[in-house]
Amino acid sequence: MSGKEKKQQKQKLATRQLINTKAITDHSLQTYGHGELVYFIIKPANISVLSEASVAARIYALMIVLKGMAEIEMCCLNSRENFEDNKRFLRSRMEREEQPAVRKLLEADLTFLDRIQVQMATAREFLIIIRLRNEKESEVFPYLNRIEKTLRDQGFSVKRADKEDIKRLLAVYFDQNVTTEQFEEFDGERWIILGD
């Protein structure tokens, strides 16, 4: 292995170690010392249009799932970018701007960001996380299938996260970036020129 390859390998590992990650498999995120994480993506229901009885039924269904599986961990994150920093910048820029035409353009940008954010206000992702520790390979998939079936039986729209989903979740969680078309296996992957 050349010096450049060793340096690239070290850079790959540094980012993974920073987030305590060994690898992303087709169905999980393998970590150092914290087990293998399997993510189930729950499609959220728009409870603002449900009746009080329907909301109560959804809460009860979630309670049944939680009582039946003590090993469940939950996470909620934005599935879209957060525009607050951009909006704060535009507001401070408008306060300092002396040119009325530029101020008007900044106001239009702020209105545009507000409109986008309102459209994405319900863009949340709810995750059920199962932490696998020392399970036998032959028992893992039947176990995960049972969990998925339990969630479906309680009326949840669920999908087991695949490799691309997990990379997207990590990008959103760590970077709040969902606009990238291709998620990298490691930082800087898109800048590597093969044969260079």
N, C-alpha and C. Protein backbone atom coordinates (compact mmCIF):
# COMPACT_ATOMS: atom_id res chain seq x y z
N MET A 1 0.86 -1.19 0.00
CA MET A 1 0.00 0.00 0.00
C MET A 1 0.90 1.24 0.00
N SER A 2 0.64 2.16 -0.91
CA SER A 2 1.45 3.37 -1.01
C SER A 2 1.12 4.33 0.14
N GLY A 3 1.95 5.34 0.29
CA GLY A 3 1.74 6.33 1.35
C GLY A 3 0.42 7.07 1.18
N LYS A 4 0.09 7.37 -0.07
CA LYS A 4 -1.17 8.08 -0.35
C LYS A 4 -2.37 7.21 0.01
N GLU A 5 -2.30 5.93 -0.34
CA GLU A 5 -3.40 5.01 -0.02
C GLU A 5 -3.56 4.85 1.49
N LYS A 6 -2.43 4.79 2.20
CA LYS A 6 -2.48 4.69 3.67
C LYS A 6 -3.13 5.93 4.26
N LYS A 7 -2.77 7.10 3.71
CA LYS A 7 -3.35 8.35 4.21
C LYS A 7 -4.85 8.39 3.95
N GLN A 8 -5.28 7.96 2.74
CA GLN A 8 -6.71 7.91 2.43
C GLN A 8 -7.43 6.93 3.34
N GLN A 9 -6.83 5.78 3.60
CA GLN A 9 -7.43 4.79 4.49
C GLN A 9 -7.57 5.36 5.89
N LYS A 10 -6.55 6.07 6.36
CA LYS A 10 -6.60 6.69 7.69
C LYS A 10 -7.69 7.75 7.76
N GLN A 11 -7.85 8.55 6.68
CA GLN A 11 -8.90 9.57 6.65
C GLN A 11 -10.28 8.92 6.66
N LYS A 12 -10.44 7.81 5.97
CA LYS A 12 -11.73 7.10 5.97
C LYS A 12 -12.07 6.66 7.38
N LEU A 13 -11.10 6.08 8.05
CA LEU A 13 -11.35 5.56 9.39
C LEU A 13 -11.60 6.67 10.40
N ALA A 14 -10.95 7.81 10.23
CA ALA A 14 -11.09 8.89 11.20
C ALA A 14 -12.54 9.35 11.31
N THR A 15 -13.22 9.53 10.20
CA THR A 15 -14.61 9.98 10.25
C THR A 15 -15.49 8.90 10.86
N ARG A 16 -15.29 7.67 10.46
CA ARG A 16 -16.08 6.57 11.02
C ARG A 16 -15.86 6.45 12.52
N GLN A 17 -14.61 6.59 12.94
CA GLN A 17 -14.34 6.50 14.37
C GLN A 17 -14.96 7.67 15.12
N LEU A 18 -14.98 8.84 14.48
CA LEU A 18 -15.57 10.01 15.10
C LEU A 18 -17.03 9.78 15.44
N ILE A 19 -17.75 9.11 14.56
CA ILE A 19 -19.17 8.82 14.84
C ILE A 19 -19.36 7.40 15.35
N ASN A 20 -18.23 6.75 15.73
CA ASN A 20 -18.27 5.44 16.36
C ASN A 20 -18.89 4.37 15.45
N THR A 21 -18.56 4.42 14.17
CA THR A 21 -19.16 3.52 13.20
C THR A 21 -18.11 2.65 12.53
N LYS A 22 -18.38 1.34 12.49
CA LYS A 22 -17.50 0.42 11.76
C LYS A 22 -17.86 0.41 10.29
N ALA A 23 -19.15 0.14 10.03
CA ALA A 23 -19.58 -0.03 8.63
C ALA A 23 -21.09 0.14 8.53
N ILE A 24 -21.52 0.39 7.31
CA ILE A 24 -22.95 0.40 7.00
C ILE A 24 -23.20 -0.83 6.13
N THR A 25 -24.06 -1.72 6.60
CA THR A 25 -24.38 -2.91 5.83
C THR A 25 -25.68 -2.68 5.07
N ASP A 26 -26.14 -3.70 4.40
CA ASP A 26 -27.39 -3.58 3.65
C ASP A 26 -28.61 -3.39 4.55
N HIS A 27 -28.45 -3.66 5.85
CA HIS A 27 -29.61 -3.55 6.75
C HIS A 27 -29.31 -2.90 8.09
N SER A 28 -28.05 -2.48 8.32
CA SER A 28 -27.74 -1.98 9.65
C SER A 28 -26.53 -1.04 9.64
N LEU A 29 -26.34 -0.43 10.80
CA LEU A 29 -25.17 0.40 11.07
C LEU A 29 -24.38 -0.31 12.17
N GLN A 30 -23.17 -0.75 11.83
CA GLN A 30 -22.34 -1.44 12.81
C GLN A 30 -21.50 -0.42 13.54
N THR A 31 -21.49 -0.51 14.87
CA THR A 31 -20.76 0.46 15.69
C THR A 31 -19.68 -0.24 16.49
N TYR A 32 -18.77 0.55 17.02
CA TYR A 32 -17.74 0.04 17.92
C TYR A 32 -18.31 0.02 19.34
N GLY A 33 -18.51 -1.14 19.89
CA GLY A 33 -18.90 -1.27 21.28
C GLY A 33 -20.36 -0.99 21.62
N HIS A 34 -21.17 -0.58 20.65
CA HIS A 34 -22.57 -0.29 20.93
C HIS A 34 -23.52 -1.15 20.12
N GLY A 35 -23.01 -2.23 19.58
CA GLY A 35 -23.85 -3.16 18.84
C GLY A 35 -24.11 -2.74 17.42
N GLU A 36 -24.97 -3.49 16.80
CA GLU A 36 -25.38 -3.26 15.42
C GLU A 36 -26.77 -2.64 15.46
N LEU A 37 -26.94 -1.49 14.82
CA LEU A 37 -28.21 -0.77 14.87
C LEU A 37 -29.02 -1.03 13.60
N VAL A 38 -30.26 -1.48 13.80
CA VAL A 38 -31.19 -1.68 12.68
C VAL A 38 -32.28 -0.63 12.83
N TYR A 39 -32.56 0.07 11.75
CA TYR A 39 -33.53 1.17 11.77
C TYR A 39 -34.80 0.76 11.03
N PHE A 40 -35.93 1.06 11.65
CA PHE A 40 -37.23 0.93 11.00
C PHE A 40 -37.78 2.34 10.85
N ILE A 41 -38.08 2.73 9.63
CA ILE A 41 -38.60 4.07 9.36
C ILE A 41 -40.12 4.01 9.43
N ILE A 42 -40.70 4.80 10.32
CA ILE A 42 -42.14 4.86 10.49
C ILE A 42 -42.66 6.08 9.74
N LYS A 43 -43.56 5.86 8.81
CA LYS A 43 -44.16 6.99 8.10
C LYS A 43 -45.15 7.66 9.04
N PRO A 44 -44.97 8.96 9.30
CA PRO A 44 -45.86 9.63 10.26
C PRO A 44 -47.26 9.84 9.70
N ALA A 45 -48.22 9.81 10.61
CA ALA A 45 -49.60 10.12 10.25
C ALA A 45 -49.83 11.61 10.53
N ASN A 46 -50.61 12.23 9.72
CA ASN A 46 -50.96 13.64 9.94
C ASN A 46 -52.07 13.69 10.99
N ILE A 47 -51.68 13.82 12.25
CA ILE A 47 -52.67 13.75 13.32
C ILE A 47 -53.57 14.98 13.38
N SER A 48 -53.19 16.05 12.67
CA SER A 48 -54.03 17.25 12.69
C SER A 48 -55.36 17.04 11.98
N VAL A 49 -55.44 16.00 11.14
CA VAL A 49 -56.70 15.73 10.43
C VAL A 49 -57.44 14.53 11.02
N LEU A 50 -56.87 13.90 12.05
CA LEU A 50 -57.51 12.74 12.68
C LEU A 50 -58.42 13.18 13.81
N SER A 51 -59.43 12.39 14.04
CA SER A 51 -60.32 12.66 15.17
C SER A 51 -59.59 12.36 16.48
N GLU A 52 -60.16 12.83 17.57
CA GLU A 52 -59.56 12.58 18.88
C GLU A 52 -59.48 11.08 19.17
N ALA A 53 -60.51 10.34 18.77
CA ALA A 53 -60.52 8.89 18.98
C ALA A 53 -59.42 8.21 18.16
N SER A 54 -59.20 8.70 16.94
CA SER A 54 -58.15 8.11 16.10
C SER A 54 -56.76 8.38 16.67
N VAL A 55 -56.57 9.58 17.19
CA VAL A 55 -55.29 9.91 17.81
C VAL A 55 -55.07 9.02 19.04
N ALA A 56 -56.09 8.85 19.83
CA ALA A 56 -56.00 7.99 21.02
C ALA A 56 -55.67 6.55 20.61
N ALA A 57 -56.26 6.09 19.52
CA ALA A 57 -55.99 4.73 19.03
C ALA A 57 -54.53 4.60 18.59
N ARG A 58 -53.98 5.64 17.94
CA ARG A 58 -52.58 5.61 17.50
C ARG A 58 -51.65 5.58 18.72
N ILE A 59 -51.99 6.35 19.74
CA ILE A 59 -51.17 6.37 20.97
C ILE A 59 -51.22 5.00 21.63
N TYR A 60 -52.41 4.42 21.69
CA TYR A 60 -52.56 3.10 22.29
C TYR A 60 -51.75 2.05 21.52
N ALA A 61 -51.78 2.12 20.18
CA ALA A 61 -51.02 1.17 19.36
C ALA A 61 -49.52 1.30 19.64
N LEU A 62 -49.05 2.52 19.78
CA LEU A 62 -47.63 2.73 20.10
C LEU A 62 -47.31 2.18 21.48
N MET A 63 -48.21 2.36 22.42
CA MET A 63 -48.01 1.83 23.77
C MET A 63 -47.90 0.30 23.73
N ILE A 64 -48.74 -0.35 22.93
CA ILE A 64 -48.69 -1.82 22.80
C ILE A 64 -47.33 -2.24 22.26
N VAL A 65 -46.85 -1.54 21.25
CA VAL A 65 -45.54 -1.88 20.67
C VAL A 65 -44.45 -1.71 21.72
N LEU A 66 -44.46 -0.59 22.44
CA LEU A 66 -43.42 -0.32 23.43
C LEU A 66 -43.45 -1.30 24.59
N LYS A 67 -44.64 -1.68 25.01
CA LYS A 67 -44.76 -2.64 26.11
C LYS A 67 -44.32 -4.02 25.68
N GLY A 68 -44.52 -4.34 24.42
CA GLY A 68 -44.19 -5.68 23.93
C GLY A 68 -42.72 -5.87 23.59
N MET A 69 -41.98 -4.77 23.41
CA MET A 69 -40.57 -4.88 23.02
C MET A 69 -39.74 -3.87 23.80
N ALA A 70 -39.17 -4.31 24.87
CA ALA A 70 -38.40 -3.42 25.73
C ALA A 70 -37.11 -2.94 25.07
N GLU A 71 -36.64 -3.65 24.07
CA GLU A 71 -35.36 -3.30 23.44
C GLU A 71 -35.46 -2.19 22.40
N ILE A 72 -36.65 -1.65 22.21
CA ILE A 72 -36.85 -0.60 21.21
C ILE A 72 -36.27 0.73 21.69
N GLU A 73 -35.57 1.40 20.78
CA GLU A 73 -35.15 2.79 20.99
C GLU A 73 -35.86 3.60 19.92
N MET A 74 -36.11 4.86 20.20
CA MET A 74 -36.82 5.70 19.24
C MET A 74 -36.03 6.97 18.97
N CYS A 75 -36.20 7.49 17.76
CA CYS A 75 -35.54 8.72 17.36
C CYS A 75 -36.46 9.46 16.40
N CYS A 76 -36.49 10.76 16.51
CA CYS A 76 -37.25 11.59 15.58
C CYS A 76 -36.29 12.64 15.05
N LEU A 77 -36.26 12.78 13.73
CA LEU A 77 -35.41 13.80 13.15
C LEU A 77 -36.08 14.43 11.95
N ASN A 78 -35.60 15.59 11.61
CA ASN A 78 -36.11 16.27 10.41
C ASN A 78 -35.65 15.48 9.20
N SER A 79 -36.53 15.32 8.24
CA SER A 79 -36.11 14.67 7.01
C SER A 79 -35.85 15.70 5.93
N ARG A 80 -35.86 16.94 6.31
CA ARG A 80 -35.57 18.03 5.38
C ARG A 80 -34.61 19.00 6.06
N GLU A 81 -34.02 19.85 5.27
CA GLU A 81 -33.07 20.81 5.82
C GLU A 81 -33.75 21.84 6.70
N ASN A 82 -32.99 22.35 7.62
CA ASN A 82 -33.44 23.41 8.50
C ASN A 82 -32.93 24.74 7.94
N PHE A 83 -33.83 25.69 7.75
CA PHE A 83 -33.47 26.96 7.12
C PHE A 83 -33.26 28.09 8.14
N GLU A 84 -33.28 27.80 9.41
CA GLU A 84 -33.21 28.85 10.42
C GLU A 84 -31.94 29.69 10.33
N ASP A 85 -30.79 29.04 10.11
CA ASP A 85 -29.54 29.80 10.00
C ASP A 85 -29.59 30.74 8.80
N ASN A 86 -30.10 30.24 7.68
CA ASN A 86 -30.21 31.09 6.49
C ASN A 86 -31.16 32.26 6.73
N LYS A 87 -32.27 32.00 7.41
CA LYS A 87 -33.24 33.07 7.68
C LYS A 87 -32.66 34.11 8.64
N ARG A 88 -31.91 33.65 9.63
CA ARG A 88 -31.26 34.58 10.56
C ARG A 88 -30.26 35.46 9.81
N PHE A 89 -29.50 34.86 8.91
CA PHE A 89 -28.54 35.62 8.12
C PHE A 89 -29.27 36.67 7.27
N LEU A 90 -30.35 36.28 6.61
CA LEU A 90 -31.09 37.22 5.76
C LEU A 90 -31.65 38.38 6.58
N ARG A 91 -32.17 38.09 7.78
CA ARG A 91 -32.71 39.16 8.64
C ARG A 91 -31.61 40.14 9.04
N SER A 92 -30.46 39.60 9.46
CA SER A 92 -29.37 40.50 9.88
C SER A 92 -28.84 41.30 8.68
N ARG A 93 -28.81 40.66 7.52
CA ARG A 93 -28.37 41.36 6.30
C ARG A 93 -29.34 42.47 5.91
N MET A 94 -30.65 42.21 6.08
CA MET A 94 -31.67 43.23 5.76
C MET A 94 -31.53 44.43 6.69
N GLU A 95 -31.21 44.20 7.97
CA GLU A 95 -31.05 45.29 8.92
C GLU A 95 -29.88 46.21 8.54
N ARG A 96 -28.85 45.64 7.97
CA ARG A 96 -27.65 46.41 7.61
C ARG A 96 -27.73 47.02 6.21
N GLU A 97 -28.60 46.51 5.39
CA GLU A 97 -28.65 46.94 3.98
C GLU A 97 -29.24 48.33 3.84
N GLU A 98 -28.54 49.17 3.08
CA GLU A 98 -28.98 50.54 2.85
C GLU A 98 -29.74 50.70 1.54
N GLN A 99 -29.49 49.84 0.58
CA GLN A 99 -30.14 49.94 -0.73
C GLN A 99 -31.55 49.31 -0.67
N PRO A 100 -32.59 50.10 -0.96
CA PRO A 100 -33.96 49.56 -0.91
C PRO A 100 -34.18 48.38 -1.87
N ALA A 101 -33.57 48.42 -3.04
CA ALA A 101 -33.77 47.33 -4.01
C ALA A 101 -33.18 46.02 -3.49
N VAL A 102 -32.00 46.11 -2.88
CA VAL A 102 -31.36 44.90 -2.33
C VAL A 102 -32.15 44.40 -1.12
N ARG A 103 -32.62 45.33 -0.28
CA ARG A 103 -33.45 44.94 0.87
C ARG A 103 -34.71 44.22 0.42
N LYS A 104 -35.30 44.70 -0.66
CA LYS A 104 -36.51 44.07 -1.20
C LYS A 104 -36.21 42.65 -1.69
N LEU A 105 -35.06 42.47 -2.33
CA LEU A 105 -34.65 41.13 -2.77
C LEU A 105 -34.42 40.20 -1.58
N LEU A 106 -33.78 40.71 -0.54
CA LEU A 106 -33.56 39.91 0.67
C LEU A 106 -34.88 39.51 1.32
N GLU A 107 -35.84 40.43 1.33
CA GLU A 107 -37.17 40.12 1.87
C GLU A 107 -37.84 39.03 1.04
N ALA A 108 -37.68 39.11 -0.28
CA ALA A 108 -38.26 38.07 -1.16
C ALA A 108 -37.62 36.71 -0.87
N ASP A 109 -36.30 36.69 -0.66
CA ASP A 109 -35.62 35.44 -0.31
C ASP A 109 -36.14 34.88 1.01
N LEU A 110 -36.32 35.76 1.99
CA LEU A 110 -36.83 35.34 3.29
C LEU A 110 -38.24 34.77 3.17
N THR A 111 -39.08 35.42 2.39
CA THR A 111 -40.45 34.92 2.16
C THR A 111 -40.41 33.56 1.49
N PHE A 112 -39.52 33.40 0.52
CA PHE A 112 -39.38 32.12 -0.18
C PHE A 112 -38.98 31.01 0.79
N LEU A 113 -37.99 31.28 1.65
CA LEU A 113 -37.56 30.27 2.63
C LEU A 113 -38.69 29.94 3.61
N ASP A 114 -39.46 30.96 4.02
CA ASP A 114 -40.61 30.72 4.90
C ASP A 114 -41.61 29.79 4.23
N ARG A 115 -41.88 30.04 2.95
CA ARG A 115 -42.85 29.22 2.21
C ARG A 115 -42.37 27.77 2.10
N ILE A 116 -41.10 27.59 1.80
CA ILE A 116 -40.54 26.24 1.71
C ILE A 116 -40.64 25.54 3.05
N GLN A 117 -40.30 26.26 4.12
CA GLN A 117 -40.31 25.65 5.44
C GLN A 117 -41.72 25.25 5.86
N VAL A 118 -42.70 26.05 5.53
CA VAL A 118 -44.09 25.70 5.84
C VAL A 118 -44.50 24.44 5.09
N GLN A 119 -44.10 24.33 3.84
CA GLN A 119 -44.44 23.15 3.05
C GLN A 119 -43.80 21.90 3.63
N MET A 120 -42.66 22.06 4.27
CA MET A 120 -41.95 20.90 4.81
C MET A 120 -42.11 20.76 6.32
N ALA A 121 -43.04 21.48 6.89
CA ALA A 121 -43.19 21.48 8.36
C ALA A 121 -43.47 20.09 8.91
N THR A 122 -44.14 19.26 8.15
CA THR A 122 -44.45 17.92 8.64
C THR A 122 -43.42 16.90 8.18
N ALA A 123 -42.31 17.35 7.66
CA ALA A 123 -41.29 16.44 7.13
C ALA A 123 -40.42 15.92 8.28
N ARG A 124 -40.98 15.04 9.04
CA ARG A 124 -40.27 14.39 10.14
C ARG A 124 -40.14 12.92 9.81
N GLU A 125 -39.09 12.32 10.34
CA GLU A 125 -38.95 10.87 10.22
C GLU A 125 -38.87 10.31 11.63
N PHE A 126 -39.65 9.28 11.85
CA PHE A 126 -39.66 8.61 13.13
C PHE A 126 -39.00 7.26 12.94
N LEU A 127 -38.05 6.98 13.81
CA LEU A 127 -37.28 5.76 13.68
C LEU A 127 -37.45 4.89 14.91
N ILE A 128 -37.66 3.63 14.66
CA ILE A 128 -37.57 2.62 15.71
C ILE A 128 -36.21 1.98 15.50
N ILE A 129 -35.42 1.93 16.55
CA ILE A 129 -34.06 1.42 16.44
C ILE A 129 -33.94 0.16 17.30
N ILE A 130 -33.41 -0.88 16.70
CA ILE A 130 -33.15 -2.13 17.41
C ILE A 130 -31.64 -2.31 17.45
N ARG A 131 -31.13 -2.52 18.64
CA ARG A 131 -29.69 -2.69 18.84
C ARG A 131 -29.40 -4.18 18.98
N LEU A 132 -28.72 -4.74 17.99
CA LEU A 132 -28.36 -6.15 18.02
C LEU A 132 -27.01 -6.31 18.71
N ARG A 133 -26.96 -7.26 19.64
CA ARG A 133 -25.71 -7.53 20.34
C ARG A 133 -25.52 -9.04 20.41
N ASN A 134 -24.54 -9.52 19.74
CA ASN A 134 -24.15 -10.93 19.81
C ASN A 134 -25.26 -11.91 19.43
N GLU A 135 -26.21 -11.50 18.61
CA GLU A 135 -27.23 -12.41 18.14
C GLU A 135 -26.64 -13.32 17.08
N LYS A 136 -27.13 -14.54 17.06
CA LYS A 136 -26.67 -15.47 16.02
C LYS A 136 -27.21 -15.02 14.68
N GLU A 137 -26.38 -15.15 13.66
CA GLU A 137 -26.74 -14.72 12.31
C GLU A 137 -28.06 -15.34 11.87
N SER A 138 -28.29 -16.59 12.19
CA SER A 138 -29.50 -17.28 11.75
C SER A 138 -30.76 -16.76 12.46
N GLU A 139 -30.60 -16.08 13.59
CA GLU A 139 -31.74 -15.58 14.36
C GLU A 139 -32.08 -14.12 14.06
N VAL A 140 -31.16 -13.39 13.43
CA VAL A 140 -31.33 -11.96 13.25
C VAL A 140 -32.53 -11.63 12.37
N PHE A 141 -32.58 -12.18 11.16
CA PHE A 141 -33.65 -11.79 10.24
C PHE A 141 -35.04 -12.25 10.69
N PRO A 142 -35.20 -13.46 11.26
CA PRO A 142 -36.53 -13.79 11.81
C PRO A 142 -36.95 -12.83 12.93
N TYR A 143 -35.99 -12.43 13.75
CA TYR A 143 -36.26 -11.49 14.84
C TYR A 143 -36.70 -10.13 14.28
N LEU A 144 -35.97 -9.62 13.29
CA LEU A 144 -36.32 -8.34 12.68
C LEU A 144 -37.66 -8.42 11.95
N ASN A 145 -37.93 -9.54 11.31
CA ASN A 145 -39.22 -9.72 10.63
C ASN A 145 -40.37 -9.70 11.62
N ARG A 146 -40.18 -10.30 12.81
CA ARG A 146 -41.23 -10.28 13.85
C ARG A 146 -41.51 -8.85 14.30
N ILE A 147 -40.45 -8.08 14.49
CA ILE A 147 -40.62 -6.68 14.92
C ILE A 147 -41.38 -5.90 13.85
N GLU A 148 -40.99 -6.07 12.60
CA GLU A 148 -41.66 -5.37 11.51
C GLU A 148 -43.13 -5.78 11.44
N LYS A 149 -43.41 -7.05 11.62
CA LYS A 149 -44.80 -7.54 11.59
C LYS A 149 -45.60 -6.94 12.75
N THR A 150 -45.01 -6.87 13.92
CA THR A 150 -45.69 -6.28 15.08
C THR A 150 -46.05 -4.83 14.80
N LEU A 151 -45.13 -4.09 14.23
CA LEU A 151 -45.39 -2.69 13.91
C LEU A 151 -46.52 -2.56 12.88
N ARG A 152 -46.49 -3.40 11.86
CA ARG A 152 -47.55 -3.37 10.84
C ARG A 152 -48.90 -3.77 11.44
N ASP A 153 -48.89 -4.78 12.30
CA ASP A 153 -50.14 -5.24 12.93
C ASP A 153 -50.78 -4.16 13.78
N GLN A 154 -49.97 -3.24 14.30
CA GLN A 154 -50.51 -2.15 15.11
C GLN A 154 -50.87 -0.92 14.26
N GLY A 155 -50.80 -1.09 12.94
CA GLY A 155 -51.27 -0.03 12.04
C GLY A 155 -50.22 0.98 11.61
N PHE A 156 -48.95 0.69 11.86
CA PHE A 156 -47.90 1.61 11.46
C PHE A 156 -47.41 1.27 10.06
N SER A 157 -47.18 2.31 9.27
CA SER A 157 -46.58 2.14 7.95
C SER A 157 -45.07 2.15 8.17
N VAL A 158 -44.43 1.01 7.98
CA VAL A 158 -43.04 0.85 8.38
C VAL A 158 -42.21 0.29 7.23
N LYS A 159 -40.94 0.69 7.22
CA LYS A 159 -39.98 0.19 6.24
C LYS A 159 -38.66 -0.02 6.96
N ARG A 160 -38.05 -1.18 6.77
CA ARG A 160 -36.73 -1.41 7.33
C ARG A 160 -35.72 -0.64 6.48
N ALA A 161 -34.91 0.18 7.11
CA ALA A 161 -33.95 1.02 6.40
C ALA A 161 -32.89 0.18 5.73
N ASP A 162 -32.62 0.48 4.45
CA ASP A 162 -31.53 -0.19 3.75
C ASP A 162 -30.29 0.70 3.81
N LYS A 163 -29.25 0.30 3.12
CA LYS A 163 -27.97 1.01 3.18
C LYS A 163 -28.11 2.48 2.78
N GLU A 164 -28.82 2.76 1.69
CA GLU A 164 -28.99 4.15 1.25
C GLU A 164 -29.81 4.97 2.24
N ASP A 165 -30.84 4.34 2.84
CA ASP A 165 -31.63 5.03 3.86
C ASP A 165 -30.75 5.40 5.05
N ILE A 166 -29.90 4.48 5.48
CA ILE A 166 -29.05 4.72 6.64
C ILE A 166 -28.06 5.84 6.35
N LYS A 167 -27.48 5.85 5.16
CA LYS A 167 -26.56 6.94 4.79
C LYS A 167 -27.30 8.27 4.78
N ARG A 168 -28.52 8.28 4.26
CA ARG A 168 -29.30 9.52 4.25
C ARG A 168 -29.63 9.97 5.67
N LEU A 169 -30.01 9.02 6.54
CA LEU A 169 -30.32 9.36 7.93
C LEU A 169 -29.11 9.96 8.63
N LEU A 170 -27.94 9.38 8.39
CA LEU A 170 -26.72 9.92 9.00
C LEU A 170 -26.42 11.32 8.47
N ALA A 171 -26.62 11.52 7.17
CA ALA A 171 -26.38 12.84 6.58
C ALA A 171 -27.31 13.87 7.18
N VAL A 172 -28.58 13.52 7.36
CA VAL A 172 -29.54 14.45 7.96
C VAL A 172 -29.19 14.69 9.42
N TYR A 173 -28.87 13.63 10.16
CA TYR A 173 -28.59 13.75 11.58
C TYR A 173 -27.34 14.58 11.84
N PHE A 174 -26.26 14.30 11.12
CA PHE A 174 -25.01 14.98 11.39
C PHE A 174 -24.84 16.30 10.64
N ASP A 175 -25.44 16.41 9.45
CA ASP A 175 -25.16 17.55 8.61
C ASP A 175 -26.39 18.36 8.26
N GLN A 176 -27.59 17.83 8.55
CA GLN A 176 -28.85 18.47 8.14
C GLN A 176 -28.84 18.72 6.63
N ASN A 177 -28.31 17.78 5.87
CA ASN A 177 -28.18 17.93 4.43
C ASN A 177 -28.91 16.79 3.73
N VAL A 178 -30.00 17.12 3.06
CA VAL A 178 -30.71 16.10 2.29
C VAL A 178 -30.76 16.45 0.82
N THR A 179 -29.99 17.46 0.43
CA THR A 179 -30.03 17.87 -0.97
C THR A 179 -29.00 17.15 -1.81
N THR A 180 -28.07 16.45 -1.17
CA THR A 180 -27.05 15.74 -1.91
C THR A 180 -27.68 14.55 -2.62
N GLU A 181 -27.40 14.41 -3.91
CA GLU A 181 -27.98 13.31 -4.66
C GLU A 181 -27.29 12.00 -4.34
N GLN A 182 -25.98 12.04 -4.13
CA GLN A 182 -25.23 10.83 -3.85
C GLN A 182 -24.61 10.97 -2.47
N PHE A 183 -24.89 10.01 -1.60
CA PHE A 183 -24.32 10.05 -0.27
C PHE A 183 -23.03 9.25 -0.28
N GLU A 184 -22.01 9.83 0.28
CA GLU A 184 -20.68 9.24 0.22
C GLU A 184 -20.50 8.14 1.24
N GLU A 185 -19.69 7.15 0.87
CA GLU A 185 -19.32 6.09 1.81
C GLU A 185 -18.40 6.65 2.88
N PHE A 186 -17.60 7.65 2.52
CA PHE A 186 -16.71 8.31 3.46
C PHE A 186 -16.52 9.74 3.02
N ASP A 187 -16.12 10.61 3.96
CA ASP A 187 -15.95 12.04 3.66
C ASP A 187 -14.98 12.25 2.51
N GLY A 188 -15.37 13.09 1.58
CA GLY A 188 -14.50 13.45 0.47
C GLY A 188 -14.47 12.48 -0.68
N GLU A 189 -15.28 11.43 -0.63
CA GLU A 189 -15.28 10.42 -1.68
C GLU A 189 -15.48 11.02 -3.06
N ARG A 190 -16.33 12.03 -3.16
CA ARG A 190 -16.64 12.61 -4.47
C ARG A 190 -15.45 13.36 -5.06
N TRP A 191 -14.44 13.68 -4.24
CA TRP A 191 -13.30 14.45 -4.73
C TRP A 191 -12.12 13.56 -5.14
N ILE A 192 -12.22 12.27 -4.92
CA ILE A 192 -11.14 11.37 -5.28
C ILE A 192 -11.18 11.11 -6.78
N ILE A 193 -10.05 11.28 -7.42
CA ILE A 193 -9.93 11.00 -8.85
C ILE A 193 -9.19 9.68 -8.98
N LEU A 194 -9.86 8.67 -9.52
CA LEU A 194 -9.24 7.37 -9.66
C LEU A 194 -8.06 7.44 -10.62
N GLY A 195 -6.99 6.74 -10.27
CA GLY A 195 -5.79 6.71 -11.11
C GLY A 195 -4.93 7.94 -10.97
N ASP A 196 -5.24 8.79 -9.99
CA ASP A 196 -4.45 10.01 -9.81
C ASP A 196 -3.40 9.78 -8.75
